[in-house]
Amino acid sequence: MAKKYSTAAEKKVGKVMKEFKEGKLKSSSGDKVRDRKQAIAIGISEAREAGMKVPRKKAVAKKRTTKK
């Protein structure tokens, strides 16, 4: 089974998580990040921007509406 994330991407997320635990991580709006999941998402997006091996984003299923 192939590895999903590169080691460089894992290190990037690790650095972001360290920032988060120290209370220094900020979102794009400048507010402090208080949610662990948001911190992970920031690390993954930064790794993706840097061109590291990160899985693609999952496509959101479209909601079908029926005519009445």
N, C-alpha and C. Protein backbone atom coordinates (compact mmCIF):
# COMPACT_ATOMS: atom_id res chain seq x y z
N MET A 1 0.83 -1.18 0.00
CA MET A 1 0.00 0.00 0.00
C MET A 1 0.88 1.25 0.00
N ALA A 2 0.60 2.18 -0.89
CA ALA A 2 1.40 3.38 -1.03
C ALA A 2 1.15 4.35 0.12
N LYS A 3 2.19 5.09 0.46
CA LYS A 3 2.08 6.08 1.53
C LYS A 3 1.28 7.28 1.02
N LYS A 4 0.37 7.79 1.82
CA LYS A 4 -0.49 8.88 1.38
C LYS A 4 0.24 10.22 1.40
N TYR A 5 0.96 10.51 2.47
CA TYR A 5 1.64 11.79 2.62
C TYR A 5 3.15 11.59 2.54
N SER A 6 3.86 12.57 1.98
CA SER A 6 5.32 12.49 1.95
C SER A 6 5.85 12.84 3.34
N THR A 7 7.10 12.46 3.60
CA THR A 7 7.68 12.76 4.91
C THR A 7 7.84 14.26 5.10
N ALA A 8 8.10 14.98 4.00
CA ALA A 8 8.22 16.44 4.08
C ALA A 8 6.89 17.07 4.49
N ALA A 9 5.79 16.52 3.95
CA ALA A 9 4.46 17.03 4.31
C ALA A 9 4.16 16.74 5.77
N GLU A 10 4.56 15.57 6.24
CA GLU A 10 4.34 15.21 7.64
C GLU A 10 5.12 16.15 8.56
N LYS A 11 6.35 16.50 8.17
CA LYS A 11 7.15 17.43 8.96
C LYS A 11 6.51 18.81 8.99
N LYS A 12 5.97 19.23 7.85
CA LYS A 12 5.31 20.54 7.76
C LYS A 12 4.12 20.60 8.71
N VAL A 13 3.29 19.56 8.71
CA VAL A 13 2.12 19.51 9.60
C VAL A 13 2.60 19.47 11.05
N GLY A 14 3.69 18.77 11.31
CA GLY A 14 4.25 18.70 12.66
C GLY A 14 4.70 20.07 13.16
N LYS A 15 5.32 20.86 12.28
CA LYS A 15 5.76 22.21 12.65
C LYS A 15 4.56 23.10 12.96
N VAL A 16 3.52 22.97 12.14
CA VAL A 16 2.31 23.77 12.35
C VAL A 16 1.65 23.39 13.67
N MET A 17 1.62 22.07 13.97
CA MET A 17 1.02 21.62 15.22
C MET A 17 1.81 22.12 16.43
N LYS A 18 3.13 22.21 16.30
CA LYS A 18 3.95 22.73 17.39
C LYS A 18 3.60 24.21 17.63
N GLU A 19 3.45 24.97 16.53
CA GLU A 19 3.03 26.36 16.62
C GLU A 19 1.68 26.47 17.32
N PHE A 20 0.77 25.59 16.95
CA PHE A 20 -0.58 25.58 17.53
C PHE A 20 -0.52 25.33 19.04
N LYS A 21 0.30 24.36 19.45
CA LYS A 21 0.40 24.03 20.87
C LYS A 21 1.04 25.15 21.68
N GLU A 22 1.92 25.92 21.03
CA GLU A 22 2.55 27.06 21.70
C GLU A 22 1.64 28.28 21.72
N GLY A 23 0.54 28.22 20.95
CA GLY A 23 -0.41 29.34 20.91
C GLY A 23 0.00 30.44 19.95
N LYS A 24 0.89 30.14 19.00
CA LYS A 24 1.39 31.14 18.06
C LYS A 24 0.77 31.04 16.67
N LEU A 25 -0.04 30.01 16.42
CA LEU A 25 -0.61 29.80 15.09
C LEU A 25 -1.81 30.71 14.90
N LYS A 26 -1.82 31.39 13.74
CA LYS A 26 -2.91 32.30 13.42
C LYS A 26 -3.51 31.93 12.08
N SER A 27 -4.81 32.18 11.94
CA SER A 27 -5.50 31.90 10.68
C SER A 27 -5.26 33.05 9.71
N SER A 28 -5.81 32.94 8.52
CA SER A 28 -5.60 33.97 7.51
C SER A 28 -6.21 35.31 7.93
N SER A 29 -7.24 35.27 8.78
CA SER A 29 -7.87 36.52 9.25
C SER A 29 -7.07 37.17 10.38
N GLY A 30 -6.09 36.46 10.91
CA GLY A 30 -5.25 37.01 11.96
C GLY A 30 -5.66 36.58 13.36
N ASP A 31 -6.75 35.83 13.47
CA ASP A 31 -7.21 35.34 14.77
C ASP A 31 -6.41 34.11 15.18
N LYS A 32 -6.27 33.90 16.49
CA LYS A 32 -5.59 32.70 17.00
C LYS A 32 -6.39 31.46 16.65
N VAL A 33 -5.70 30.41 16.25
CA VAL A 33 -6.36 29.14 15.94
C VAL A 33 -6.54 28.40 17.26
N ARG A 34 -7.78 28.01 17.57
CA ARG A 34 -8.08 27.32 18.82
C ARG A 34 -8.54 25.87 18.58
N ASP A 35 -8.82 25.52 17.33
CA ASP A 35 -9.33 24.20 17.01
C ASP A 35 -8.22 23.33 16.42
N ARG A 36 -8.03 22.13 16.97
CA ARG A 36 -6.98 21.22 16.52
C ARG A 36 -7.16 20.82 15.06
N LYS A 37 -8.40 20.56 14.65
CA LYS A 37 -8.66 20.16 13.27
C LYS A 37 -8.33 21.28 12.29
N GLN A 38 -8.59 22.52 12.69
CA GLN A 38 -8.27 23.66 11.83
C GLN A 38 -6.76 23.78 11.68
N ALA A 39 -6.02 23.52 12.75
CA ALA A 39 -4.56 23.59 12.69
C ALA A 39 -4.02 22.54 11.72
N ILE A 40 -4.57 21.34 11.76
CA ILE A 40 -4.14 20.29 10.83
C ILE A 40 -4.46 20.69 9.40
N ALA A 41 -5.63 21.27 9.18
CA ALA A 41 -6.03 21.71 7.84
C ALA A 41 -5.09 22.78 7.31
N ILE A 42 -4.65 23.68 8.18
CA ILE A 42 -3.71 24.72 7.78
C ILE A 42 -2.38 24.09 7.37
N GLY A 43 -1.90 23.12 8.15
CA GLY A 43 -0.65 22.44 7.83
C GLY A 43 -0.71 21.70 6.51
N ILE A 44 -1.82 21.02 6.26
CA ILE A 44 -1.98 20.28 5.00
C ILE A 44 -2.05 21.24 3.82
N SER A 45 -2.76 22.36 3.97
CA SER A 45 -2.87 23.30 2.86
C SER A 45 -1.53 23.97 2.57
N GLU A 46 -0.74 24.26 3.61
CA GLU A 46 0.59 24.83 3.41
C GLU A 46 1.50 23.83 2.70
N ALA A 47 1.40 22.56 3.05
CA ALA A 47 2.20 21.52 2.40
C ALA A 47 1.78 21.40 0.93
N ARG A 48 0.50 21.47 0.67
CA ARG A 48 -0.01 21.38 -0.70
C ARG A 48 0.50 22.56 -1.54
N GLU A 49 0.50 23.76 -0.95
CA GLU A 49 1.00 24.95 -1.66
C GLU A 49 2.48 24.83 -1.98
N ALA A 50 3.23 24.17 -1.09
CA ALA A 50 4.66 24.00 -1.29
C ALA A 50 4.99 22.89 -2.28
N GLY A 51 3.95 22.20 -2.78
CA GLY A 51 4.16 21.17 -3.80
C GLY A 51 4.53 19.81 -3.24
N MET A 52 4.27 19.58 -1.98
CA MET A 52 4.58 18.28 -1.37
C MET A 52 3.47 17.28 -1.70
N LYS A 53 3.78 15.98 -1.52
CA LYS A 53 2.83 14.93 -1.85
C LYS A 53 1.73 14.86 -0.78
N VAL A 54 0.55 15.32 -1.17
CA VAL A 54 -0.61 15.33 -0.28
C VAL A 54 -1.80 14.85 -1.11
N PRO A 55 -2.67 13.99 -0.55
CA PRO A 55 -3.83 13.53 -1.31
C PRO A 55 -4.73 14.67 -1.74
N ARG A 56 -5.45 14.44 -2.84
CA ARG A 56 -6.39 15.45 -3.34
C ARG A 56 -7.53 15.65 -2.36
N LYS A 57 -8.15 16.83 -2.45
CA LYS A 57 -9.32 17.11 -1.63
C LYS A 57 -10.47 16.25 -2.12
N LYS A 58 -11.30 15.78 -1.20
CA LYS A 58 -12.46 14.98 -1.58
C LYS A 58 -13.52 15.88 -2.18
N ALA A 59 -14.14 15.42 -3.26
CA ALA A 59 -15.20 16.19 -3.89
C ALA A 59 -16.46 16.10 -3.04
N VAL A 60 -17.12 17.21 -2.90
CA VAL A 60 -18.37 17.24 -2.13
C VAL A 60 -19.51 16.82 -3.02
N ALA A 61 -20.32 15.88 -2.54
CA ALA A 61 -21.44 15.38 -3.33
C ALA A 61 -22.49 16.47 -3.49
N LYS A 62 -23.02 16.61 -4.68
CA LYS A 62 -24.04 17.61 -4.93
C LYS A 62 -25.39 17.08 -4.45
N LYS A 63 -26.16 17.98 -3.90
CA LYS A 63 -27.47 17.62 -3.40
C LYS A 63 -28.47 17.74 -4.54
N ARG A 64 -29.24 16.70 -4.77
CA ARG A 64 -30.23 16.72 -5.86
C ARG A 64 -31.57 17.19 -5.31
N THR A 65 -32.19 18.08 -6.04
CA THR A 65 -33.52 18.52 -5.66
C THR A 65 -34.49 18.06 -6.74
N THR A 66 -35.66 17.71 -6.31
CA THR A 66 -36.67 17.24 -7.27
C THR A 66 -37.70 18.35 -7.49
N LYS A 67 -38.16 18.45 -8.71
CA LYS A 67 -39.20 19.43 -9.02
C LYS A 67 -40.54 18.92 -8.52
N LYS A 68 -41.30 19.81 -8.01
CA LYS A 68 -42.62 19.43 -7.52
C LYS A 68 -43.71 20.02 -8.38
